[in-house]
Amino acid sequence: MFGIGLPEMLVILAVALIVVGPDKLPDMAKSLAKGVFELKKTLNQVKASLAEEEHLLDSVQSDLRKATGDLKGDLIEVDQYEFRDPAAPLREAEAQDGDIIDVESEELADEEQEAPAGTTTGPEAEMAPDSEGENPESRRTES
């Protein structure tokens, strides 16, 4: 046990007898035996718990292997089918109509129609000269 032979064991017992004393040595031996017994009991519980977890992991592993096999079969079946391009309906509609509707340009055209004559809308409104003929950029620099 732990590479301790009879001579080493006798030395340990002699040191314990000297340090602890003959009156307390039996109580200490009982405490030590009780501790070793509890340690073995705990170790057996941990082993049982690990065995139970291993059983659970084996069942999960078998389920995963089954699912993997099913997915492989499904992928093999899917490889046999021809996939359509998701943009194909858009291309077909474009080929039939010939024109692509630009929503942004329609919105800008609607804004220009709603604005009164002589006013500008959109980003160019900031750069357009005001009623006095001045450029807004020159007003910013003068201020």
Protein backbone atom coordinates (compact mmCIF):
# COMPACT_ATOMS: atom_id res chain seq x y z
CA MET A 1 0.00 0.00 0.00
CA PHE A 2 1.58 3.29 -1.22
CA GLY A 3 4.99 1.60 -1.32
CA ILE A 4 5.16 1.43 2.49
CA GLY A 5 6.66 -1.76 3.84
CA LEU A 6 6.67 -3.21 7.37
CA PRO A 7 9.76 -1.28 8.55
CA GLU A 8 8.28 2.07 7.43
CA MET A 9 4.96 1.22 9.09
CA LEU A 10 6.70 0.47 12.42
CA VAL A 11 8.51 3.82 12.27
CA ILE A 12 5.23 5.69 11.60
CA LEU A 13 3.51 3.91 14.54
CA ALA A 14 6.45 4.69 16.87
CA VAL A 15 6.38 8.40 15.91
CA ALA A 16 2.60 8.53 16.35
CA LEU A 17 2.89 6.90 19.78
CA ILE A 18 5.49 9.43 20.85
CA VAL A 19 3.66 12.49 19.42
CA VAL A 20 0.07 11.62 20.36
CA GLY A 21 0.67 9.55 23.46
CA PRO A 22 -0.63 6.12 24.46
CA ASP A 23 -3.93 7.46 25.89
CA LYS A 24 -5.16 9.22 22.71
CA LEU A 25 -3.71 6.78 20.14
CA PRO A 26 -6.76 4.39 20.10
CA ASP A 27 -9.18 7.33 19.62
CA MET A 28 -7.04 8.71 16.84
CA ALA A 29 -6.93 5.30 15.11
CA LYS A 30 -10.75 5.09 15.29
CA SER A 31 -11.07 8.59 13.79
CA LEU A 32 -8.62 7.70 11.05
CA ALA A 33 -10.51 4.48 10.25
CA LYS A 34 -13.82 6.38 10.20
CA GLY A 35 -12.35 8.95 7.79
CA VAL A 36 -11.02 6.25 5.46
CA PHE A 37 -14.43 4.52 5.52
CA GLU A 38 -16.22 7.79 4.61
CA LEU A 39 -13.70 8.41 1.86
CA LYS A 40 -14.35 4.96 0.36
CA LYS A 41 -18.12 5.49 0.61
CA THR A 42 -17.88 8.83 -1.18
CA LEU A 43 -15.61 7.34 -3.84
CA ASN A 44 -18.14 4.55 -4.52
CA GLN A 45 -20.94 7.11 -4.84
CA VAL A 46 -18.90 9.11 -7.35
CA LYS A 47 -18.18 5.93 -9.35
CA ALA A 48 -21.90 5.08 -9.43
CA SER A 49 -22.76 8.62 -10.51
CA LEU A 50 -20.18 8.52 -13.31
CA ALA A 51 -21.47 5.13 -14.47
CA GLU A 52 -25.00 6.55 -14.60
CA GLU A 53 -23.81 9.60 -16.55
CA GLU A 54 -21.92 7.35 -18.93
CA HIS A 55 -25.11 5.37 -19.58
CA LEU A 56 -26.99 8.60 -20.27
CA LEU A 57 -24.25 9.83 -22.60
CA ASP A 58 -24.28 6.52 -24.47
CA SER A 59 -28.02 6.83 -25.08
CA VAL A 60 -27.61 10.42 -26.31
CA GLN A 61 -24.71 9.36 -28.51
CA SER A 62 -26.79 6.59 -30.10
CA ASP A 63 -29.62 9.10 -30.73
CA LEU A 64 -27.16 11.50 -32.35
CA ARG A 65 -25.72 8.75 -34.54
CA LYS A 66 -29.23 7.80 -35.64
CA ALA A 67 -30.05 11.44 -36.46
CA THR A 68 -26.77 11.77 -38.36
CA GLY A 69 -27.61 8.70 -40.42
CA ASP A 70 -31.06 10.11 -41.20
CA LEU A 71 -29.56 13.45 -42.25
CA LYS A 72 -27.02 11.73 -44.49
CA GLY A 73 -29.84 9.81 -46.15
CA ASP A 74 -31.84 13.00 -46.61
CA LEU A 75 -28.83 14.79 -48.10
CA ILE A 76 -28.25 11.97 -50.54
CA GLU A 77 -31.91 12.21 -51.62
CA VAL A 78 -31.69 16.00 -51.91
CA ASP A 79 -28.61 15.75 -54.15
CA GLN A 80 -30.79 13.92 -56.67
CA TYR A 81 -33.20 16.85 -57.02
CA GLU A 82 -32.55 19.93 -59.13
CA PHE A 83 -32.70 23.23 -57.26
CA ARG A 84 -34.21 26.36 -58.76
CA ASP A 85 -32.60 29.74 -58.48
CA PRO A 86 -34.61 31.91 -56.02
CA ALA A 87 -34.10 34.95 -58.27
CA ALA A 88 -35.50 33.16 -61.32
CA PRO A 89 -39.09 34.54 -60.92
CA LEU A 90 -37.69 38.09 -60.79
CA ARG A 91 -35.71 37.53 -63.96
CA GLU A 92 -38.76 36.06 -65.68
CA ALA A 93 -40.88 39.07 -64.70
CA GLU A 94 -38.15 41.42 -65.93
CA ALA A 95 -37.98 39.60 -69.25
CA GLN A 96 -41.75 39.87 -69.68
CA ASP A 97 -42.12 43.53 -68.66
CA GLY A 98 -38.83 44.78 -70.00
CA ASP A 99 -38.71 47.53 -67.38
CA ILE A 100 -37.65 47.50 -63.81
CA ILE A 101 -39.63 49.74 -61.52
CA ASP A 102 -37.43 52.16 -59.59
CA VAL A 103 -39.37 53.05 -56.45
CA GLU A 104 -36.97 55.80 -55.34
CA SER A 105 -37.21 57.76 -58.60
CA GLU A 106 -41.01 57.53 -58.47
CA GLU A 107 -41.02 58.95 -54.93
CA LEU A 108 -38.77 61.85 -56.00
CA ALA A 109 -41.04 62.59 -58.97
CA ASP A 110 -44.06 62.65 -56.63
CA GLU A 111 -42.28 65.09 -54.28
CA GLU A 112 -41.43 67.43 -57.17
CA GLN A 113 -45.03 67.44 -58.34
CA GLU A 114 -46.29 68.28 -54.85
CA ALA A 115 -43.81 71.17 -54.34
CA PRO A 116 -44.92 74.64 -55.56
CA ALA A 117 -43.38 76.03 -58.74
CA GLY A 118 -40.03 77.76 -58.34
CA THR A 119 -38.97 75.75 -55.27
CA THR A 120 -36.57 72.89 -55.27
CA THR A 121 -36.75 69.70 -53.26
CA GLY A 122 -34.23 67.09 -52.31
CA PRO A 123 -30.53 67.51 -51.71
CA GLU A 124 -30.12 70.17 -54.40
CA ALA A 125 -32.42 72.49 -52.42
CA GLU A 126 -29.59 73.32 -50.03
CA MET A 127 -27.29 74.40 -52.87
CA ALA A 128 -29.89 76.36 -54.87
CA PRO A 129 -29.69 80.21 -54.81
CA ASP A 130 -32.26 81.92 -52.63
CA SER A 131 -34.73 84.64 -53.71
CA GLU A 132 -32.02 87.33 -53.46
CA GLY A 133 -29.74 85.40 -55.81
CA GLU A 134 -27.21 84.52 -53.16
CA ASN A 135 -25.70 81.13 -52.79
CA PRO A 136 -26.38 79.57 -49.33
CA GLU A 137 -22.69 78.63 -49.10
CA SER A 138 -21.69 82.31 -49.27
CA ARG A 139 -24.18 83.10 -46.47
CA ARG A 140 -22.58 80.48 -44.24
CA THR A 141 -19.11 81.91 -44.70
CA GLU A 142 -20.26 85.48 -44.03
CA SER A 143 -21.90 84.54 -40.71
